[in-house]
Amino acid sequence: MKKGKGTPLVIVTGMSGAGKSTALRCFEDLGYFCVDNLPPALIGTFYRLSSRGGAQEKGITVGCDVRSGALFDDFSEALDKMRESGLSVRVIFLDCGDDELISRFQESRRAHPLSNLPAEGVAKERHLMAPIKSAADEVIDTTELSAAQLRDEIYALFAGGGAMSVTTVTLVSFGYRFGMPTDCDFVFDVRFLPNPFYESELKDLTGTDKRVFDYVMSDPKAAKFADGVYDLISVALPGFAELKKLNLAAAFGCTGGQHRSVAMVEYLRGKFTAAGVKASVVHRDTGKV
């Protein structure tokens, strides 16, 4: 297929029970803006609105299947129009053996969208989906795949192969008096650094202010500690990548979460950004004191 223009658009479709929900979660982790169960005729409109509003980073992913009912009949026509317009659209069809699909519906005790009898529903859907499968850019058979293996297939197709890098490092500042964060991979204590709280001209400011930042980071221990943490996280990133973990969160705590932890996070944000790693910052407790 000739590569189109604009923001990449991925349409995930296929047999009910073949793993579309898992696939969409993978695309969310990859930074795609995702929506599920959208009628085919609305995909083009949704794409234009999402692109214009900047609601995506890597691309846009739409889940589309027979749950749309009669509206799904327009899929082939809608796809042709999008491709004719030059959009960079890629269709992923998730397939699965009939016996395995029937077994999955029986085990989950959920009704098939086309029939209360799984075997009948699978047969009807197989007939309806045949032309869409033939028009797909990629067909992934999930009959023998676990959820983790399907995830690996998606990453291999859309993240440049199996060796995937962590796309975001989230740096969190917090105050110990408000409790430690429970959802971070690393927690570092920076209370050993001189505290701007005891300087009258700095007390009411935060670590985002240049005067506080310079006060904290001018201490030789601060930069040495920050650089050591940077090296530690950089060593850990490849291991997190192997686990397909797309975000590593590191928290830095001081007494109130206003000065030292904030300055440390801002310093590390600059180092990671300069190294080409996307760094997200959360100052959890600024303004609480």
C-alpha atoms as a PDB file:
ATOM      1  CA  MET A   1       0.000   0.000   0.000  1.00  0.00           C
ATOM      2  CA  LYS A   2       1.310   3.455  -0.867  1.00  0.00           C
ATOM      3  CA  LYS A   3       2.097   5.483   2.217  1.00  0.00           C
ATOM      4  CA  GLY A   4      -0.429   8.231   2.757  1.00  0.00           C
ATOM      5  CA  LYS A   5      -0.143  11.676   4.223  1.00  0.00           C
ATOM      6  CA  GLY A   6      -0.864  13.214   7.595  1.00  0.00           C
ATOM      7  CA  THR A   7      -1.203  11.686  11.038  1.00  0.00           C
ATOM      8  CA  PRO A   8      -1.097   7.867  10.906  1.00  0.00           C
ATOM      9  CA  LEU A   9      -4.507   6.237  11.269  1.00  0.00           C
ATOM     10  CA  VAL A  10      -4.794   2.605  12.342  1.00  0.00           C
ATOM     11  CA  ILE A  11      -8.103   0.762  12.142  1.00  0.00           C
ATOM     12  CA  VAL A  12      -8.291  -2.353  14.300  1.00  0.00           C
ATOM     13  CA  THR A  13     -10.997  -4.762  13.233  1.00  0.00           C
ATOM     14  CA  GLY A  14     -11.549  -8.494  12.931  1.00  0.00           C
ATOM     15  CA  MET A  15     -13.435 -11.334  14.555  1.00  0.00           C
ATOM     16  CA  SER A  16     -15.209 -10.724  17.842  1.00  0.00           C
ATOM     17  CA  GLY A  17     -13.192 -12.334  20.619  1.00  0.00           C
ATOM     18  CA  ALA A  18      -9.932 -12.238  18.663  1.00  0.00           C
ATOM     19  CA  GLY A  19      -8.276  -9.620  20.900  1.00  0.00           C
ATOM     20  CA  LYS A  20      -9.261  -6.144  19.724  1.00  0.00           C
ATOM     21  CA  SER A  21      -9.490  -4.761  23.275  1.00  0.00           C
ATOM     22  CA  THR A  22      -5.966  -5.984  24.015  1.00  0.00           C
ATOM     23  CA  ALA A  23      -4.698  -4.479  20.759  1.00  0.00           C
ATOM     24  CA  LEU A  24      -6.265  -1.098  21.512  1.00  0.00           C
ATOM     25  CA  ARG A  25      -4.624  -1.028  24.947  1.00  0.00           C
ATOM     26  CA  CYS A  26      -1.285  -1.655  23.239  1.00  0.00           C
ATOM     27  CA  PHE A  27      -1.811   1.310  20.940  1.00  0.00           C
ATOM     28  CA  GLU A  28      -2.722   3.497  23.930  1.00  0.00           C
ATOM     29  CA  ASP A  29       0.561   2.492  25.559  1.00  0.00           C
ATOM     30  CA  LEU A  30       2.379   3.421  22.362  1.00  0.00           C
ATOM     31  CA  GLY A  31       0.956   6.943  22.530  1.00  0.00           C
ATOM     32  CA  TYR A  32      -1.856   6.603  20.000  1.00  0.00           C
ATOM     33  CA  PHE A  33      -5.178   8.339  20.615  1.00  0.00           C
ATOM     34  CA  CYS A  34      -7.709   5.509  20.676  1.00  0.00           C
ATOM     35  CA  VAL A  35     -11.459   5.119  20.427  1.00  0.00           C
ATOM     36  CA  ASP A  36     -13.433   1.898  20.199  1.00  0.00           C
ATOM     37  CA  ASN A  37     -16.641   0.836  18.458  1.00  0.00           C
ATOM     38  CA  LEU A  38     -16.878   3.711  15.994  1.00  0.00           C
ATOM     39  CA  PRO A  39     -19.139   3.249  12.935  1.00  0.00           C
ATOM     40  CA  PRO A  40     -17.075   3.239   9.705  1.00  0.00           C
ATOM     41  CA  ALA A  41     -18.817   6.284   8.234  1.00  0.00           C
ATOM     42  CA  LEU A  42     -17.672   8.390  11.200  1.00  0.00           C
ATOM     43  CA  ILE A  43     -14.000   7.389  11.148  1.00  0.00           C
ATOM     44  CA  GLY A  44     -12.999  10.065   8.625  1.00  0.00           C
ATOM     45  CA  THR A  45     -14.776  12.806  10.591  1.00  0.00           C
ATOM     46  CA  PHE A  46     -13.295  11.616  13.870  1.00  0.00           C
ATOM     47  CA  TYR A  47      -9.833  11.521  12.296  1.00  0.00           C
ATOM     48  CA  ARG A  48     -10.081  15.091  11.046  1.00  0.00           C
ATOM     49  CA  LEU A  49     -11.318  16.430  14.381  1.00  0.00           C
ATOM     50  CA  SER A  50      -8.672  14.544  16.357  1.00  0.00           C
ATOM     51  CA  SER A  51      -5.848  15.678  14.090  1.00  0.00           C
ATOM     52  CA  ARG A  52      -6.998  19.277  14.157  1.00  0.00           C
ATOM     53  CA  GLY A  53      -7.360  19.282  17.941  1.00  0.00           C
ATOM     54  CA  GLY A  54      -3.911  17.802  18.550  1.00  0.00           C
ATOM     55  CA  ALA A  55      -5.395  14.943  20.578  1.00  0.00           C
ATOM     56  CA  GLN A  56      -2.735  12.498  19.496  1.00  0.00           C
ATOM     57  CA  GLU A  57       1.037  12.066  19.508  1.00  0.00           C
ATOM     58  CA  LYS A  58       2.027   8.972  17.551  1.00  0.00           C
ATOM     59  CA  GLY A  59      -1.226   8.502  15.641  1.00  0.00           C
ATOM     60  CA  ILE A  60      -4.902   7.657  15.919  1.00  0.00           C
ATOM     61  CA  THR A  61      -6.341   4.180  16.392  1.00  0.00           C
ATOM     62  CA  VAL A  62      -9.986   3.259  15.869  1.00  0.00           C
ATOM     63  CA  GLY A  63     -11.626  -0.013  16.853  1.00  0.00           C
ATOM     64  CA  CYS A  64     -14.392  -0.958  14.424  1.00  0.00           C
ATOM     65  CA  ASP A  65     -16.374  -4.189  14.216  1.00  0.00           C
ATOM     66  CA  VAL A  66     -19.807  -5.785  13.883  1.00  0.00           C
ATOM     67  CA  ARG A  67     -21.007  -4.232  17.147  1.00  0.00           C
ATOM     68  CA  SER A  68     -21.915  -1.221  14.979  1.00  0.00           C
ATOM     69  CA  GLY A  69     -24.714  -3.326  13.508  1.00  0.00           C
ATOM     70  CA  ALA A  70     -25.997  -2.289  10.113  1.00  0.00           C
ATOM     71  CA  LEU A  71     -23.647   0.731  10.187  1.00  0.00           C
ATOM     72  CA  PHE A  72     -20.721  -1.672   9.813  1.00  0.00           C
ATOM     73  CA  ASP A  73     -21.890  -2.499   6.281  1.00  0.00           C
ATOM     74  CA  ASP A  74     -20.290   0.766   5.139  1.00  0.00           C
ATOM     75  CA  PHE A  75     -16.780  -0.319   6.168  1.00  0.00           C
ATOM     76  CA  SER A  76     -15.401  -1.108   2.697  1.00  0.00           C
ATOM     77  CA  GLU A  77     -16.828   2.061   1.177  1.00  0.00           C
ATOM     78  CA  ALA A  78     -15.499   4.215   4.021  1.00  0.00           C
ATOM     79  CA  LEU A  79     -12.052   2.616   3.769  1.00  0.00           C
ATOM     80  CA  ASP A  80     -11.910   3.215   0.004  1.00  0.00           C
ATOM     81  CA  LYS A  81     -12.747   6.896   0.484  1.00  0.00           C
ATOM     82  CA  MET A  82     -10.050   7.348   3.116  1.00  0.00           C
ATOM     83  CA  ARG A  83      -7.417   5.686   0.970  1.00  0.00           C
ATOM     84  CA  GLU A  84      -8.462   7.642  -2.119  1.00  0.00           C
ATOM     85  CA  SER A  85      -8.095  10.869  -0.139  1.00  0.00           C
ATOM     86  CA  GLY A  86      -4.478   9.997   0.575  1.00  0.00           C
ATOM     87  CA  LEU A  87      -4.737   9.384   4.309  1.00  0.00           C
ATOM     88  CA  SER A  88      -2.055   7.253   5.932  1.00  0.00           C
ATOM     89  CA  VAL A  89      -4.499   4.525   6.974  1.00  0.00           C
ATOM     90  CA  ARG A  90      -3.505   1.010   7.975  1.00  0.00           C
ATOM     91  CA  VAL A  91      -6.002  -1.771   8.691  1.00  0.00           C
ATOM     92  CA  ILE A  92      -5.151  -4.481  11.213  1.00  0.00           C
ATOM     93  CA  PHE A  93      -7.400  -7.536  11.066  1.00  0.00           C
ATOM     94  CA  LEU A  94      -7.379  -9.814  14.105  1.00  0.00           C
ATOM     95  CA  ASP A  95      -8.375 -13.347  13.203  1.00  0.00           C
ATOM     96  CA  CYS A  96      -8.797 -16.524  15.220  1.00  0.00           C
ATOM     97  CA  GLY A  97      -9.858 -20.094  14.600  1.00  0.00           C
ATOM     98  CA  ASP A  98     -13.584 -20.779  14.897  1.00  0.00           C
ATOM     99  CA  ASP A  99     -13.214 -23.434  17.586  1.00  0.00           C
ATOM    100  CA  GLU A 100     -11.059 -21.154  19.714  1.00  0.00           C
ATOM    101  CA  LEU A 101     -13.500 -18.243  19.299  1.00  0.00           C
ATOM    102  CA  ILE A 102     -16.424 -20.420  20.332  1.00  0.00           C
ATOM    103  CA  SER A 103     -14.445 -21.626  23.340  1.00  0.00           C
ATOM    104  CA  ARG A 104     -13.620 -18.054  24.377  1.00  0.00           C
ATOM    105  CA  PHE A 105     -17.267 -17.015  24.240  1.00  0.00           C
ATOM    106  CA  GLN A 106     -18.307 -20.060  26.232  1.00  0.00           C
ATOM    107  CA  GLU A 107     -15.645 -19.480  28.876  1.00  0.00           C
ATOM    108  CA  SER A 108     -16.475 -15.790  29.238  1.00  0.00           C
ATOM    109  CA  ARG A 109     -20.240 -16.524  29.180  1.00  0.00           C
ATOM    110  CA  ARG A 110     -20.751 -13.548  26.898  1.00  0.00           C
ATOM    111  CA  ALA A 111     -23.097 -13.539  23.942  1.00  0.00           C
ATOM    112  CA  HIS A 112     -21.729 -13.110  20.452  1.00  0.00           C
ATOM    113  CA  PRO A 113     -22.792  -9.749  18.908  1.00  0.00           C
ATOM    114  CA  LEU A 114     -24.619 -11.563  16.094  1.00  0.00           C
ATOM    115  CA  SER A 115     -26.225 -14.448  17.960  1.00  0.00           C
ATOM    116  CA  ASN A 116     -26.834 -15.873  21.420  1.00  0.00           C
ATOM    117  CA  LEU A 117     -25.349 -19.101  20.063  1.00  0.00           C
ATOM    118  CA  PRO A 118     -21.562 -18.644  19.713  1.00  0.00           C
ATOM    119  CA  ALA A 119     -21.156 -21.096  16.822  1.00  0.00           C
ATOM    120  CA  GLU A 120     -23.900 -19.418  14.806  1.00  0.00           C
ATOM    121  CA  GLY A 121     -22.546 -15.945  15.564  1.00  0.00           C
ATOM    122  CA  VAL A 122     -19.006 -16.875  14.559  1.00  0.00           C
ATOM    123  CA  ALA A 123     -20.222 -18.376  11.264  1.00  0.00           C
ATOM    124  CA  LYS A 124     -22.242 -15.246  10.398  1.00  0.00           C
ATOM    125  CA  GLU A 125     -19.394 -12.929  11.300  1.00  0.00           C
ATOM    126  CA  ARG A 126     -16.857 -14.983   9.339  1.00  0.00           C
ATOM    127  CA  HIS A 127     -18.962 -14.481   6.202  1.00  0.00           C
ATOM    128  CA  LEU A 128     -19.396 -10.734   6.799  1.00  0.00           C
ATOM    129  CA  MET A 129     -15.720 -10.137   7.550  1.00  0.00           C
ATOM    130  CA  ALA A 130     -14.242 -12.023   4.578  1.00  0.00           C
ATOM    131  CA  PRO A 131     -13.950  -8.998   2.227  1.00  0.00           C
ATOM    132  CA  ILE A 132     -12.579  -6.813   5.031  1.00  0.00           C
ATOM    133  CA  LYS A 133      -9.932  -9.379   5.884  1.00  0.00           C
ATOM    134  CA  SER A 134      -8.821  -9.455   2.257  1.00  0.00           C
ATOM    135  CA  ALA A 135      -8.461  -5.642   2.262  1.00  0.00           C
ATOM    136  CA  ALA A 136      -6.437  -5.517   5.499  1.00  0.00           C
ATOM    137  CA  ASP A 137      -2.791  -4.461   5.532  1.00  0.00           C
ATOM    138  CA  GLU A 138      -1.928  -6.860   8.350  1.00  0.00           C
ATOM    139  CA  VAL A 139      -3.686 -10.040   9.520  1.00  0.00           C
ATOM    140  CA  ILE A 140      -2.764 -11.330  12.968  1.00  0.00           C
ATOM    141  CA  ASP A 141      -4.000 -14.795  13.904  1.00  0.00           C
ATOM    142  CA  THR A 142      -4.463 -14.929  17.687  1.00  0.00           C
ATOM    143  CA  THR A 143      -5.568 -18.578  17.886  1.00  0.00           C
ATOM    144  CA  GLU A 144      -2.372 -19.628  19.641  1.00  0.00           C
ATOM    145  CA  LEU A 145      -1.399 -16.250  21.083  1.00  0.00           C
ATOM    146  CA  SER A 146      -1.637 -15.136  24.684  1.00  0.00           C
ATOM    147  CA  ALA A 147      -2.441 -11.497  25.452  1.00  0.00           C
ATOM    148  CA  ALA A 148       1.272 -10.849  26.045  1.00  0.00           C
ATOM    149  CA  GLN A 149       2.201 -12.430  22.718  1.00  0.00           C
ATOM    150  CA  LEU A 150      -0.393 -10.338  20.884  1.00  0.00           C
ATOM    151  CA  ARG A 151       1.081  -7.282  22.551  1.00  0.00           C
ATOM    152  CA  ASP A 152       4.517  -8.277  21.253  1.00  0.00           C
ATOM    153  CA  GLU A 153       3.097  -8.626  17.727  1.00  0.00           C
ATOM    154  CA  ILE A 154       1.625  -5.117  17.875  1.00  0.00           C
ATOM    155  CA  TYR A 155       4.853  -3.658  19.222  1.00  0.00           C
ATOM    156  CA  ALA A 156       6.895  -5.415  16.548  1.00  0.00           C
ATOM    157  CA  LEU A 157       4.700  -3.885  13.833  1.00  0.00           C
ATOM    158  CA  PHE A 158       4.406  -0.364  15.230  1.00  0.00           C
ATOM    159  CA  ALA A 159       7.416   0.242  17.460  1.00  0.00           C
ATOM    160  CA  GLY A 160      10.222  -0.598  15.080  1.00  0.00           C
ATOM    161  CA  GLY A 161      10.673  -4.216  16.117  1.00  0.00           C
ATOM    162  CA  GLY A 162      10.879  -6.059  19.385  1.00  0.00           C
ATOM    163  CA  ALA A 163      13.554  -3.839  20.956  1.00  0.00           C
ATOM    164  CA  MET A 164      11.314  -1.115  22.255  1.00  0.00           C
ATOM    165  CA  SER A 165      12.478   1.944  24.149  1.00  0.00           C
ATOM    166  CA  VAL A 166      10.699   3.508  27.086  1.00  0.00           C
ATOM    167  CA  THR A 167       9.002   6.558  25.611  1.00  0.00           C
ATOM    168  CA  THR A 168       8.432   8.559  28.794  1.00  0.00           C
ATOM    169  CA  VAL A 169      10.154   9.110  32.106  1.00  0.00           C
ATOM    170  CA  THR A 170       7.776  10.636  34.645  1.00  0.00           C
ATOM    171  CA  LEU A 171       9.487  12.666  37.367  1.00  0.00           C
ATOM    172  CA  VAL A 172       7.419  13.353  40.493  1.00  0.00           C
ATOM    173  CA  SER A 173       8.184  15.764  43.322  1.00  0.00           C
ATOM    174  CA  PHE A 174       6.423  15.228  46.646  1.00  0.00           C
ATOM    175  CA  GLY A 175       6.507  16.142  50.336  1.00  0.00           C
ATOM    176  CA  TYR A 176       6.973  13.426  52.933  1.00  0.00           C
ATOM    177  CA  ARG A 177       4.532  15.195  55.247  1.00  0.00           C
ATOM    178  CA  PHE A 178       1.795  14.398  52.697  1.00  0.00           C
ATOM    179  CA  GLY A 179       2.753  10.752  52.286  1.00  0.00           C
ATOM    180  CA  MET A 180       4.917   8.833  49.850  1.00  0.00           C
ATOM    181  CA  PRO A 181       3.622   8.090  46.347  1.00  0.00           C
ATOM    182  CA  THR A 182       2.623   4.452  45.889  1.00  0.00           C
ATOM    183  CA  ASP A 183       2.712   4.242  42.101  1.00  0.00           C
ATOM    184  CA  CYS A 184       6.338   5.065  41.275  1.00  0.00           C
ATOM    185  CA  ASP A 185       9.135   2.684  40.285  1.00  0.00           C
ATOM    186  CA  PHE A 186      11.846   4.580  42.176  1.00  0.00           C
ATOM    187  CA  VAL A 187      11.665   6.888  45.204  1.00  0.00           C
ATOM    188  CA  PHE A 188      14.575   9.146  46.210  1.00  0.00           C
ATOM    189  CA  ASP A 189      14.948  11.245  49.371  1.00  0.00           C
ATOM    190  CA  VAL A 190      16.523  14.671  48.866  1.00  0.00           C
ATOM    191  CA  ARG A 191      16.072  15.977  52.405  1.00  0.00           C
ATOM    192  CA  PHE A 192      19.860  15.854  52.886  1.00  0.00           C
ATOM    193  CA  LEU A 193      20.174  19.015  50.772  1.00  0.00           C
ATOM    194  CA  PRO A 194      20.098  22.551  52.251  1.00  0.00           C
ATOM    195  CA  ASN A 195      16.495  23.671  52.707  1.00  0.00           C
ATOM    196  CA  PRO A 196      15.423  26.979  51.093  1.00  0.00           C
ATOM    197  CA  PHE A 197      12.479  27.033  53.521  1.00  0.00           C
ATOM    198  CA  TYR A 198      14.788  28.618  56.090  1.00  0.00           C
ATOM    199  CA  GLU A 199      15.768  31.450  53.789  1.00  0.00           C
ATOM    200  CA  SER A 200      13.219  34.253  54.200  1.00  0.00           C
ATOM    201  CA  GLU A 201      13.441  35.426  50.583  1.00  0.00           C
ATOM    202  CA  LEU A 202      12.956  31.876  49.263  1.00  0.00           C
ATOM    203  CA  LYS A 203      10.494  30.414  51.750  1.00  0.00           C
ATOM    204  CA  ASP A 204       7.332  31.314  49.835  1.00  0.00           C
ATOM    205  CA  LEU A 205       8.689  30.279  46.431  1.00  0.00           C
ATOM    206  CA  THR A 206       8.996  26.825  44.857  1.00  0.00           C
ATOM    207  CA  GLY A 207      11.767  24.951  43.093  1.00  0.00           C
ATOM    208  CA  THR A 208      10.498  26.139  39.708  1.00  0.00           C
ATOM    209  CA  ASP A 209      11.685  29.639  40.596  1.00  0.00           C
ATOM    210  CA  LYS A 210      15.231  30.236  39.347  1.00  0.00           C
ATOM    211  CA  ARG A 211      16.362  31.625  42.702  1.00  0.00           C
ATOM    212  CA  VAL A 212      15.288  28.479  44.545  1.00  0.00           C
ATOM    213  CA  PHE A 213      16.581  26.224  41.773  1.00  0.00           C
ATOM    214  CA  ASP A 214      20.002  27.871  41.860  1.00  0.00           C
ATOM    215  CA  TYR A 215      20.110  27.727  45.664  1.00  0.00           C
ATOM    216  CA  VAL A 216      19.417  23.980  45.703  1.00  0.00           C
ATOM    217  CA  MET A 217      21.503  22.924  42.725  1.00  0.00           C
ATOM    218  CA  SER A 218      24.514  25.094  43.647  1.00  0.00           C
ATOM    219  CA  ASP A 219      25.268  22.681  46.460  1.00  0.00           C
ATOM    220  CA  PRO A 220      27.886  20.223  45.123  1.00  0.00           C
ATOM    221  CA  LYS A 221      25.990  17.297  46.594  1.00  0.00           C
ATOM    222  CA  ALA A 222      22.860  18.162  44.580  1.00  0.00           C
ATOM    223  CA  ALA A 223      24.331  17.903  41.087  1.00  0.00           C
ATOM    224  CA  LYS A 224      26.401  14.862  42.040  1.00  0.00           C
ATOM    225  CA  PHE A 225      23.310  13.113  43.401  1.00  0.00           C
ATOM    226  CA  ALA A 226      21.162  14.111  40.410  1.00  0.00           C
ATOM    227  CA  ASP A 227      23.752  12.910  37.928  1.00  0.00           C
ATOM    228  CA  GLY A 228      24.004   9.599  39.779  1.00  0.00           C
ATOM    229  CA  VAL A 229      20.225   9.161  39.665  1.00  0.00           C
ATOM    230  CA  TYR A 230      20.245  10.014  35.957  1.00  0.00           C
ATOM    231  CA  ASP A 231      22.862   7.325  35.336  1.00  0.00           C
ATOM    232  CA  LEU A 232      20.892   4.790  37.400  1.00  0.00           C
ATOM    233  CA  ILE A 233      17.643   5.402  35.526  1.00  0.00           C
ATOM    234  CA  SER A 234      19.475   5.319  32.199  1.00  0.00           C
ATOM    235  CA  VAL A 235      20.837   1.880  33.080  1.00  0.00           C
ATOM    236  CA  ALA A 236      17.345   0.684  34.051  1.00  0.00           C
ATOM    237  CA  LEU A 237      15.622   1.881  30.872  1.00  0.00           C
ATOM    238  CA  PRO A 238      16.646  -1.040  28.622  1.00  0.00           C
ATOM    239  CA  GLY A 239      15.345  -3.532  31.191  1.00  0.00           C
ATOM    240  CA  PHE A 240      12.027  -1.742  31.386  1.00  0.00           C
ATOM    241  CA  ALA A 241      11.969  -1.728  27.593  1.00  0.00           C
ATOM    242  CA  GLU A 242      12.283  -5.501  27.507  1.00  0.00           C
ATOM    243  CA  LEU A 243       9.191  -5.701  29.722  1.00  0.00           C
ATOM    244  CA  LYS A 244       7.354  -3.428  27.241  1.00  0.00           C
ATOM    245  CA  LYS A 245       6.837  -0.910  30.050  1.00  0.00           C
ATOM    246  CA  LEU A 246       6.414   2.415  28.298  1.00  0.00           C
ATOM    247  CA  ASN A 247       6.710   4.687  31.304  1.00  0.00           C
ATOM    248  CA  LEU A 248       9.215   4.755  34.145  1.00  0.00           C
ATOM    249  CA  ALA A 249       8.200   6.856  37.144  1.00  0.00           C
ATOM    250  CA  ALA A 250      10.737   8.233  39.628  1.00  0.00           C
ATOM    251  CA  ALA A 251       9.724  10.269  42.692  1.00  0.00           C
ATOM    252  CA  PHE A 252      11.806  12.739  44.682  1.00  0.00           C
ATOM    253  CA  GLY A 253      10.761  13.761  48.168  1.00  0.00           C
ATOM    254  CA  CYS A 254      11.619  16.561  50.545  1.00  0.00           C
ATOM    255  CA  THR A 255       9.802  17.717  53.671  1.00  0.00           C
ATOM    256  CA  GLY A 256       7.004  19.765  52.123  1.00  0.00           C
ATOM    257  CA  GLY A 257       7.383  19.064  48.392  1.00  0.00           C
ATOM    258  CA  GLN A 258       7.956  22.735  47.582  1.00  0.00           C
ATOM    259  CA  HIS A 259      11.657  23.414  47.137  1.00  0.00           C
ATOM    260  CA  ARG A 260      14.349  20.717  47.006  1.00  0.00           C
ATOM    261  CA  SER A 261      12.328  17.942  45.375  1.00  0.00           C
ATOM    262  CA  VAL A 262      10.903  20.341  42.803  1.00  0.00           C
ATOM    263  CA  ALA A 263      14.325  21.729  41.884  1.00  0.00           C
ATOM    264  CA  MET A 264      15.734  18.198  41.576  1.00  0.00           C
ATOM    265  CA  VAL A 265      12.919  17.159  39.249  1.00  0.00           C
ATOM    266  CA  GLU A 266      13.396  20.242  37.085  1.00  0.00           C
ATOM    267  CA  TYR A 267      17.132  19.579  36.831  1.00  0.00           C
ATOM    268  CA  LEU A 268      16.561  15.971  35.766  1.00  0.00           C
ATOM    269  CA  ARG A 269      13.868  16.987  33.309  1.00  0.00           C
ATOM    270  CA  GLY A 270      16.506  19.053  31.529  1.00  0.00           C
ATOM    271  CA  LYS A 271      19.020  16.187  31.444  1.00  0.00           C
ATOM    272  CA  PHE A 272      16.570  13.639  30.080  1.00  0.00           C
ATOM    273  CA  THR A 273      15.172  16.058  27.518  1.00  0.00           C
ATOM    274  CA  ALA A 274      18.678  16.910  26.318  1.00  0.00           C
ATOM    275  CA  ALA A 275      19.321  13.179  25.877  1.00  0.00           C
ATOM    276  CA  GLY A 276      16.232  12.797  23.671  1.00  0.00           C
ATOM    277  CA  VAL A 277      14.094  11.061  26.292  1.00  0.00           C
ATOM    278  CA  LYS A 278      10.601  12.429  26.730  1.00  0.00           C
ATOM    279  CA  ALA A 279      10.295  13.590  30.344  1.00  0.00           C
ATOM    280  CA  SER A 280       6.960  14.297  32.003  1.00  0.00           C
ATOM    281  CA  VAL A 281       6.871  16.215  35.294  1.00  0.00           C
ATOM    282  CA  VAL A 282       4.372  16.113  38.156  1.00  0.00           C
ATOM    283  CA  HIS A 283       4.807  18.461  41.132  1.00  0.00           C
ATOM    284  CA  ARG A 284       2.355  16.721  43.418  1.00  0.00           C
ATOM    285  CA  ASP A 285       2.405  18.893  46.499  1.00  0.00           C
ATOM    286  CA  THR A 286       3.332  22.433  45.441  1.00  0.00           C
ATOM    287  CA  GLY A 287       0.863  24.879  46.908  1.00  0.00           C
ATOM    288  CA  LYS A 288      -0.198  22.647  49.793  1.00  0.00           C
ATOM    289  CA  VAL A 289       1.943  24.368  52.410  1.00  0.00           C
END
